Amino acid sequence: MTAGQGYRYLLNSVVVGDGDRDAVTALTRYYEQAGTPPGRWYGSGLSGLREPLEAGSEVREEQLKRLLGHGQDPVTGENRSNA
């Protein structure tokens, strides 16, 4: 996974429900069952957003793209500086 395009991996595999697998579970579970629930927003950084997200709210695809794909505010799409 790389910065900028890594969110595509999340959207194309993890987000679509590839599920958890322990060492004793057959690999066929990967193809037979959905497993990964939608992502949720948590953490102290939520209050630092211009338009704060509600803790526990579902992560939308566009938000993930903005934050991980472009390093932008996930709600507004604004570039944030460290100044």
PDB file of N, CA and C in Angstrom:
ATOM      1  N   MET A   1       0.848  -1.152   0.000  1.00  0.00           N
ATOM      2  CA  MET A   1       0.000   0.000   0.000  1.00  0.00           C
ATOM      3  C   MET A   1       0.904   1.228   0.000  1.00  0.00           C
ATOM      4  N   THR A   2       0.610   2.199  -0.829  1.00  0.00           N
ATOM      5  CA  THR A   2       1.409   3.410  -0.911  1.00  0.00           C
ATOM      6  C   THR A   2       0.562   4.629  -0.617  1.00  0.00           C
ATOM      7  N   ALA A   3       1.199   5.700  -0.181  1.00  0.00           N
ATOM      8  CA  ALA A   3       0.499   6.953   0.064  1.00  0.00           C
ATOM      9  C   ALA A   3      -0.089   7.448  -1.244  1.00  0.00           C
ATOM     10  N   GLY A   4      -1.235   8.028  -1.184  1.00  0.00           N
ATOM     11  CA  GLY A   4      -1.876   8.568  -2.378  1.00  0.00           C
ATOM     12  C   GLY A   4      -2.808   7.594  -3.040  1.00  0.00           C
ATOM     13  N   GLN A   5      -2.366   6.385  -3.303  1.00  0.00           N
ATOM     14  CA  GLN A   5      -3.216   5.400  -3.963  1.00  0.00           C
ATOM     15  C   GLN A   5      -3.596   4.243  -3.030  1.00  0.00           C
ATOM     16  N   GLY A   6      -3.071   4.241  -1.825  1.00  0.00           N
ATOM     17  CA  GLY A   6      -3.344   3.153  -0.887  1.00  0.00           C
ATOM     18  C   GLY A   6      -4.806   2.990  -0.541  1.00  0.00           C
ATOM     19  N   TYR A   7      -5.563   4.082  -0.577  1.00  0.00           N
ATOM     20  CA  TYR A   7      -6.977   3.984  -0.261  1.00  0.00           C
ATOM     21  C   TYR A   7      -7.697   3.075  -1.255  1.00  0.00           C
ATOM     22  N   ARG A   8      -7.168   2.957  -2.477  1.00  0.00           N
ATOM     23  CA  ARG A   8      -7.794   2.080  -3.479  1.00  0.00           C
ATOM     24  C   ARG A   8      -7.751   0.621  -3.017  1.00  0.00           C
ATOM     25  N   TYR A   9      -6.648   0.234  -2.379  1.00  0.00           N
ATOM     26  CA  TYR A   9      -6.565  -1.113  -1.818  1.00  0.00           C
ATOM     27  C   TYR A   9      -7.682  -1.310  -0.805  1.00  0.00           C
ATOM     28  N   LEU A  10      -7.870  -0.338   0.069  1.00  0.00           N
ATOM     29  CA  LEU A  10      -8.925  -0.451   1.071  1.00  0.00           C
ATOM     30  C   LEU A  10     -10.295  -0.557   0.422  1.00  0.00           C
ATOM     31  N   LEU A  11     -10.545   0.244  -0.600  1.00  0.00           N
ATOM     32  CA  LEU A  11     -11.841   0.215  -1.267  1.00  0.00           C
ATOM     33  C   LEU A  11     -12.065  -1.082  -2.033  1.00  0.00           C
ATOM     34  N   ASN A  12     -11.025  -1.612  -2.635  1.00  0.00           N
ATOM     35  CA  ASN A  12     -11.168  -2.784  -3.490  1.00  0.00           C
ATOM     36  C   ASN A  12     -11.067  -4.113  -2.758  1.00  0.00           C
ATOM     37  N   SER A  13     -10.613  -4.111  -1.514  1.00  0.00           N
ATOM     38  CA  SER A  13     -10.485  -5.384  -0.811  1.00  0.00           C
ATOM     39  C   SER A  13     -11.103  -5.330   0.569  1.00  0.00           C
ATOM     40  N   VAL A  14     -10.534  -4.561   1.452  1.00  0.00           N
ATOM     41  CA  VAL A  14     -10.987  -4.537   2.836  1.00  0.00           C
ATOM     42  C   VAL A  14     -12.417  -4.023   2.949  1.00  0.00           C
ATOM     43  N   VAL A  15     -12.727  -2.919   2.320  1.00  0.00           N
ATOM     44  CA  VAL A  15     -14.033  -2.284   2.458  1.00  0.00           C
ATOM     45  C   VAL A  15     -15.156  -3.165   1.906  1.00  0.00           C
ATOM     46  N   VAL A  16     -14.884  -3.953   0.893  1.00  0.00           N
ATOM     47  CA  VAL A  16     -15.927  -4.783   0.302  1.00  0.00           C
ATOM     48  C   VAL A  16     -16.220  -6.046   1.100  1.00  0.00           C
ATOM     49  N   GLY A  17     -15.547  -6.248   2.187  1.00  0.00           N
ATOM     50  CA  GLY A  17     -15.900  -7.339   3.089  1.00  0.00           C
ATOM     51  C   GLY A  17     -15.099  -8.606   2.933  1.00  0.00           C
ATOM     52  N   ASP A  18     -13.775  -8.506   2.941  1.00  0.00           N
ATOM     53  CA  ASP A  18     -12.992  -9.726   2.789  1.00  0.00           C
ATOM     54  C   ASP A  18     -12.879 -10.513   4.084  1.00  0.00           C
ATOM     55  N   GLY A  19     -13.202  -9.933   5.207  1.00  0.00           N
ATOM     56  CA  GLY A  19     -13.299 -10.658   6.462  1.00  0.00           C
ATOM     57  C   GLY A  19     -11.988 -11.005   7.122  1.00  0.00           C
ATOM     58  N   ASP A  20     -12.082 -11.343   8.412  1.00  0.00           N
ATOM     59  CA  ASP A  20     -10.929 -11.784   9.181  1.00  0.00           C
ATOM     60  C   ASP A  20     -10.802 -13.293   9.041  1.00  0.00           C
ATOM     61  N   ARG A  21      -9.591 -13.792   9.146  1.00  0.00           N
ATOM     62  CA  ARG A  21      -9.369 -15.228   9.052  1.00  0.00           C
ATOM     63  C   ARG A  21      -8.294 -15.630  10.038  1.00  0.00           C
ATOM     64  N   ASP A  22      -8.633 -16.590  10.882  1.00  0.00           N
ATOM     65  CA  ASP A  22      -7.603 -17.099  11.781  1.00  0.00           C
ATOM     66  C   ASP A  22      -6.942 -18.307  11.125  1.00  0.00           C
ATOM     67  N   ALA A  23      -5.910 -18.830  11.736  1.00  0.00           N
ATOM     68  CA  ALA A  23      -5.110 -19.889  11.124  1.00  0.00           C
ATOM     69  C   ALA A  23      -5.880 -21.187  10.918  1.00  0.00           C
ATOM     70  N   VAL A  24      -6.941 -21.431  11.677  1.00  0.00           N
ATOM     71  CA  VAL A  24      -7.676 -22.697  11.543  1.00  0.00           C
ATOM     72  C   VAL A  24      -8.879 -22.596  10.606  1.00  0.00           C
ATOM     73  N   THR A  25      -9.194 -21.401  10.129  1.00  0.00           N
ATOM     74  CA  THR A  25     -10.330 -21.220   9.232  1.00  0.00           C
ATOM     75  C   THR A  25      -9.893 -21.461   7.795  1.00  0.00           C
ATOM     76  N   ALA A  26     -10.698 -22.213   7.069  1.00  0.00           N
ATOM     77  CA  ALA A  26     -10.376 -22.511   5.671  1.00  0.00           C
ATOM     78  C   ALA A  26     -10.376 -21.239   4.834  1.00  0.00           C
ATOM     79  N   LEU A  27      -9.509 -21.200   3.836  1.00  0.00           N
ATOM     80  CA  LEU A  27      -9.438 -20.041   2.949  1.00  0.00           C
ATOM     81  C   LEU A  27     -10.726 -19.835   2.160  1.00  0.00           C
ATOM     82  N   THR A  28     -11.535 -20.872   2.018  1.00  0.00           N
ATOM     83  CA  THR A  28     -12.778 -20.722   1.254  1.00  0.00           C
ATOM     84  C   THR A  28     -13.729 -19.723   1.898  1.00  0.00           C
ATOM     85  N   ARG A  29     -13.596 -19.473   3.185  1.00  0.00           N
ATOM     86  CA  ARG A  29     -14.444 -18.482   3.846  1.00  0.00           C
ATOM     87  C   ARG A  29     -14.299 -17.125   3.165  1.00  0.00           C
ATOM     88  N   TYR A  30     -13.098 -16.834   2.682  1.00  0.00           N
ATOM     89  CA  TYR A  30     -12.829 -15.571   2.000  1.00  0.00           C
ATOM     90  C   TYR A  30     -13.798 -15.358   0.842  1.00  0.00           C
ATOM     91  N   TYR A  31     -14.115 -16.431   0.139  1.00  0.00           N
ATOM     92  CA  TYR A  31     -14.987 -16.329  -1.032  1.00  0.00           C
ATOM     93  C   TYR A  31     -16.455 -16.526  -0.702  1.00  0.00           C
ATOM     94  N   GLU A  32     -16.753 -17.122   0.428  1.00  0.00           N
ATOM     95  CA  GLU A  32     -18.128 -17.482   0.764  1.00  0.00           C
ATOM     96  C   GLU A  32     -18.855 -16.469   1.638  1.00  0.00           C
ATOM     97  N   GLN A  33     -18.145 -15.672   2.415  1.00  0.00           N
ATOM     98  CA  GLN A  33     -18.799 -14.810   3.384  1.00  0.00           C
ATOM     99  C   GLN A  33     -18.264 -13.388   3.323  1.00  0.00           C
ATOM    100  N   ALA A  34     -19.157 -12.445   3.543  1.00  0.00           N
ATOM    101  CA  ALA A  34     -18.739 -11.061   3.747  1.00  0.00           C
ATOM    102  C   ALA A  34     -18.334 -10.940   5.203  1.00  0.00           C
ATOM    103  N   GLY A  35     -17.355 -10.097   5.504  1.00  0.00           N
ATOM    104  CA  GLY A  35     -16.929 -10.053   6.882  1.00  0.00           C
ATOM    105  C   GLY A  35     -16.570  -8.694   7.430  1.00  0.00           C
ATOM    106  N   THR A  36     -15.937  -7.849   6.654  1.00  0.00           N
ATOM    107  CA  THR A  36     -15.466  -6.589   7.189  1.00  0.00           C
ATOM    108  C   THR A  36     -16.596  -5.567   7.201  1.00  0.00           C
ATOM    109  N   PRO A  37     -16.971  -5.095   8.373  1.00  0.00           N
ATOM    110  CA  PRO A  37     -18.041  -4.095   8.437  1.00  0.00           C
ATOM    111  C   PRO A  37     -17.542  -2.736   7.937  1.00  0.00           C
ATOM    112  N   PRO A  38     -18.452  -1.829   7.653  1.00  0.00           N
ATOM    113  CA  PRO A  38     -18.032  -0.490   7.221  1.00  0.00           C
ATOM    114  C   PRO A  38     -17.146   0.171   8.276  1.00  0.00           C
ATOM    115  N   GLY A  39     -16.203   0.997   7.809  1.00  0.00           N
ATOM    116  CA  GLY A  39     -15.348   1.740   8.722  1.00  0.00           C
ATOM    117  C   GLY A  39     -16.159   2.787   9.480  1.00  0.00           C
ATOM    118  N   ARG A  40     -15.685   3.150  10.643  1.00  0.00           N
ATOM    119  CA  ARG A  40     -16.346   4.153  11.493  1.00  0.00           C
ATOM    120  C   ARG A  40     -15.304   5.182  11.921  1.00  0.00           C
ATOM    121  N   TRP A  41     -15.732   6.409  12.076  1.00  0.00           N
ATOM    122  CA  TRP A  41     -14.839   7.483  12.514  1.00  0.00           C
ATOM    123  C   TRP A  41     -14.750   7.507  14.033  1.00  0.00           C
ATOM    124  N   TYR A  42     -13.521   7.494  14.550  1.00  0.00           N
ATOM    125  CA  TYR A  42     -13.257   7.595  15.993  1.00  0.00           C
ATOM    126  C   TYR A  42     -11.966   8.363  16.205  1.00  0.00           C
ATOM    127  N   GLY A  43     -11.793   8.921  17.377  1.00  0.00           N
ATOM    128  CA  GLY A  43     -10.524   9.523  17.764  1.00  0.00           C
ATOM    129  C   GLY A  43     -10.625  11.000  18.057  1.00  0.00           C
ATOM    130  N   SER A  44      -9.598  11.492  18.722  1.00  0.00           N
ATOM    131  CA  SER A  44      -9.573  12.888  19.152  1.00  0.00           C
ATOM    132  C   SER A  44      -9.395  13.857  17.991  1.00  0.00           C
ATOM    133  N   GLY A  45      -8.915  13.380  16.847  1.00  0.00           N
ATOM    134  CA  GLY A  45      -8.726  14.249  15.690  1.00  0.00           C
ATOM    135  C   GLY A  45     -10.023  14.735  15.063  1.00  0.00           C
ATOM    136  N   LEU A  46     -11.130  14.077  15.356  1.00  0.00           N
ATOM    137  CA  LEU A  46     -12.416  14.483  14.771  1.00  0.00           C
ATOM    138  C   LEU A  46     -12.774  15.915  15.130  1.00  0.00           C
ATOM    139  N   SER A  47     -12.473  16.324  16.340  1.00  0.00           N
ATOM    140  CA  SER A  47     -12.827  17.683  16.777  1.00  0.00           C
ATOM    141  C   SER A  47     -11.985  18.747  16.083  1.00  0.00           C
ATOM    142  N   GLY A  48     -10.866  18.367  15.493  1.00  0.00           N
ATOM    143  CA  GLY A  48     -10.006  19.319  14.802  1.00  0.00           C
ATOM    144  C   GLY A  48     -10.420  19.599  13.367  1.00  0.00           C
ATOM    145  N   LEU A  49     -11.410  18.891  12.885  1.00  0.00           N
ATOM    146  CA  LEU A  49     -11.898  19.130  11.522  1.00  0.00           C
ATOM    147  C   LEU A  49     -12.753  20.382  11.478  1.00  0.00           C
ATOM    148  N   ARG A  50     -12.738  21.074  10.363  1.00  0.00           N
ATOM    149  CA  ARG A  50     -13.548  22.288  10.215  1.00  0.00           C
ATOM    150  C   ARG A  50     -15.022  21.972  10.437  1.00  0.00           C
ATOM    151  N   GLU A  51     -15.460  20.853   9.881  1.00  0.00           N
ATOM    152  CA  GLU A  51     -16.820  20.362  10.092  1.00  0.00           C
ATOM    153  C   GLU A  51     -16.686  18.981  10.731  1.00  0.00           C
ATOM    154  N   PRO A  52     -16.626  18.930  12.068  1.00  0.00           N
ATOM    155  CA  PRO A  52     -16.344  17.663  12.745  1.00  0.00           C
ATOM    156  C   PRO A  52     -17.320  16.548  12.367  1.00  0.00           C
ATOM    157  N   LEU A  53     -16.773  15.356  12.271  1.00  0.00           N
ATOM    158  CA  LEU A  53     -17.580  14.167  12.030  1.00  0.00           C
ATOM    159  C   LEU A  53     -18.039  13.622  13.371  1.00  0.00           C
ATOM    160  N   GLU A  54     -19.184  13.007  13.391  1.00  0.00           N
ATOM    161  CA  GLU A  54     -19.697  12.414  14.617  1.00  0.00           C
ATOM    162  C   GLU A  54     -18.974  11.099  14.882  1.00  0.00           C
ATOM    163  N   ALA A  55     -18.473  10.937  16.095  1.00  0.00           N
ATOM    164  CA  ALA A  55     -17.801   9.692  16.466  1.00  0.00           C
ATOM    165  C   ALA A  55     -18.751   8.523  16.241  1.00  0.00           C
ATOM    166  N   GLY A  56     -18.260   7.499  15.566  1.00  0.00           N
ATOM    167  CA  GLY A  56     -19.063   6.326  15.289  1.00  0.00           C
ATOM    168  C   GLY A  56     -19.794   6.372  13.959  1.00  0.00           C
ATOM    169  N   SER A  57     -19.738   7.530  13.281  1.00  0.00           N
ATOM    170  CA  SER A  57     -20.419   7.620  11.982  1.00  0.00           C
ATOM    171  C   SER A  57     -19.645   6.823  10.942  1.00  0.00           C
ATOM    172  N   GLU A  58     -20.343   6.335   9.935  1.00  0.00           N
ATOM    173  CA  GLU A  58     -19.747   5.483   8.907  1.00  0.00           C
ATOM    174  C   GLU A  58     -18.850   6.288   7.968  1.00  0.00           C
ATOM    175  N   VAL A  59     -17.710   5.718   7.627  1.00  0.00           N
ATOM    176  CA  VAL A  59     -16.782   6.342   6.681  1.00  0.00           C
ATOM    177  C   VAL A  59     -17.336   6.140   5.275  1.00  0.00           C
ATOM    178  N   ARG A  60     -17.516   7.233   4.557  1.00  0.00           N
ATOM    179  CA  ARG A  60     -17.991   7.165   3.174  1.00  0.00           C
ATOM    180  C   ARG A  60     -16.795   7.103   2.225  1.00  0.00           C
ATOM    181  N   GLU A  61     -17.013   6.549   1.047  1.00  0.00           N
ATOM    182  CA  GLU A  61     -15.936   6.372   0.074  1.00  0.00           C
ATOM    183  C   GLU A  61     -15.247   7.693  -0.260  1.00  0.00           C
ATOM    184  N   GLU A  62     -15.997   8.743  -0.497  1.00  0.00           N
ATOM    185  CA  GLU A  62     -15.409  10.041  -0.850  1.00  0.00           C
ATOM    186  C   GLU A  62     -14.549  10.578   0.295  1.00  0.00           C
ATOM    187  N   GLN A  63     -14.973  10.369   1.537  1.00  0.00           N
ATOM    188  CA  GLN A  63     -14.194  10.809   2.690  1.00  0.00           C
ATOM    189  C   GLN A  63     -12.857  10.073   2.748  1.00  0.00           C
ATOM    190  N   LEU A  64     -12.886   8.774   2.528  1.00  0.00           N
ATOM    191  CA  LEU A  64     -11.664   7.974   2.544  1.00  0.00           C
ATOM    192  C   LEU A  64     -10.721   8.412   1.435  1.00  0.00           C
ATOM    193  N   LYS A  65     -11.275   8.672   0.278  1.00  0.00           N
ATOM    194  CA  LYS A  65     -10.473   9.130  -0.864  1.00  0.00           C
ATOM    195  C   LYS A  65      -9.795  10.462  -0.542  1.00  0.00           C
ATOM    196  N   ARG A  66     -10.553  11.385   0.033  1.00  0.00           N
ATOM    197  CA  ARG A  66      -9.970  12.688   0.377  1.00  0.00           C
ATOM    198  C   ARG A  66      -8.853  12.557   1.394  1.00  0.00           C
ATOM    199  N   LEU A  67      -9.131  11.835   2.483  1.00  0.00           N
ATOM    200  CA  LEU A  67      -8.174  11.760   3.584  1.00  0.00           C
ATOM    201  C   LEU A  67      -6.929  10.952   3.216  1.00  0.00           C
ATOM    202  N   LEU A  68      -7.107   9.724   2.774  1.00  0.00           N
ATOM    203  CA  LEU A  68      -5.958   8.863   2.500  1.00  0.00           C
ATOM    204  C   LEU A  68      -5.383   9.043   1.101  1.00  0.00           C
ATOM    205  N   GLY A  69      -6.217   9.373   0.146  1.00  0.00           N
ATOM    206  CA  GLY A  69      -5.746   9.513  -1.224  1.00  0.00           C
ATOM    207  C   GLY A  69      -5.118  10.846  -1.539  1.00  0.00           C
ATOM    208  N   HIS A  70      -5.627  11.891  -0.873  1.00  0.00           N
ATOM    209  CA  HIS A  70      -5.158  13.240  -1.205  1.00  0.00           C
ATOM    210  C   HIS A  70      -4.658  14.036  -0.003  1.00  0.00           C
ATOM    211  N   GLY A  71      -4.746  13.459   1.201  1.00  0.00           N
ATOM    212  CA  GLY A  71      -4.296  14.168   2.395  1.00  0.00           C
ATOM    213  C   GLY A  71      -5.135  15.400   2.707  1.00  0.00           C
ATOM    214  N   GLN A  72      -6.397  15.335   2.371  1.00  0.00           N
ATOM    215  CA  GLN A  72      -7.303  16.472   2.568  1.00  0.00           C
ATOM    216  C   GLN A  72      -8.246  16.213   3.739  1.00  0.00           C
ATOM    217  N   ASP A  73      -8.897  17.288   4.167  1.00  0.00           N
ATOM    218  CA  ASP A  73      -9.961  17.178   5.150  1.00  0.00           C
ATOM    219  C   ASP A  73     -11.015  16.233   4.561  1.00  0.00           C
ATOM    220  N   PRO A  74     -11.433  15.205   5.295  1.00  0.00           N
ATOM    221  CA  PRO A  74     -12.358  14.233   4.725  1.00  0.00           C
ATOM    222  C   PRO A  74     -13.756  14.772   4.453  1.00  0.00           C
ATOM    223  N   VAL A  75     -14.134  15.856   5.105  1.00  0.00           N
ATOM    224  CA  VAL A  75     -15.474  16.427   4.913  1.00  0.00           C
ATOM    225  C   VAL A  75     -15.472  17.493   3.832  1.00  0.00           C
ATOM    226  N   THR A  76     -14.549  18.447   3.937  1.00  0.00           N
ATOM    227  CA  THR A  76     -14.572  19.594   3.034  1.00  0.00           C
ATOM    228  C   THR A  76     -13.685  19.426   1.809  1.00  0.00           C
ATOM    229  N   GLY A  77     -12.698  18.545   1.884  1.00  0.00           N
ATOM    230  CA  GLY A  77     -11.751  18.381   0.790  1.00  0.00           C
ATOM    231  C   GLY A  77     -10.667  19.435   0.779  1.00  0.00           C
ATOM    232  N   GLU A  78     -10.626  20.288   1.811  1.00  0.00           N
ATOM    233  CA  GLU A  78      -9.598  21.325   1.881  1.00  0.00           C
ATOM    234  C   GLU A  78      -8.258  20.715   2.243  1.00  0.00           C
ATOM    235  N   ASN A  79      -7.203  21.260   1.691  1.00  0.00           N
ATOM    236  CA  ASN A  79      -5.852  20.873   2.083  1.00  0.00           C
ATOM    237  C   ASN A  79      -5.548  21.519   3.421  1.00  0.00           C
ATOM    238  N   ARG A  80      -5.033  20.723   4.332  1.00  0.00           N
ATOM    239  CA  ARG A  80      -4.726  21.231   5.667  1.00  0.00           C
ATOM    240  C   ARG A  80      -3.223  21.437   5.783  1.00  0.00           C
ATOM    241  N   SER A  81      -2.814  22.585   6.300  1.00  0.00           N
ATOM    242  CA  SER A  81      -1.386  22.830   6.502  1.00  0.00           C
ATOM    243  C   SER A  81      -1.048  22.654   7.968  1.00  0.00           C
ATOM    244  N   ASN A  82       0.202  22.442   8.238  1.00  0.00           N
ATOM    245  CA  ASN A  82       0.665  22.285   9.630  1.00  0.00           C
ATOM    246  C   ASN A  82       1.091  23.620  10.215  1.00  0.00           C
ATOM    247  N   ALA A  83       0.785  24.697   9.530  1.00  0.00           N
ATOM    248  CA  ALA A  83       1.217  26.025   9.998  1.00  0.00           C
ATOM    249  C   ALA A  83       0.444  26.481  11.198  1.00  0.00           C
TER     250      ALA A  83
END
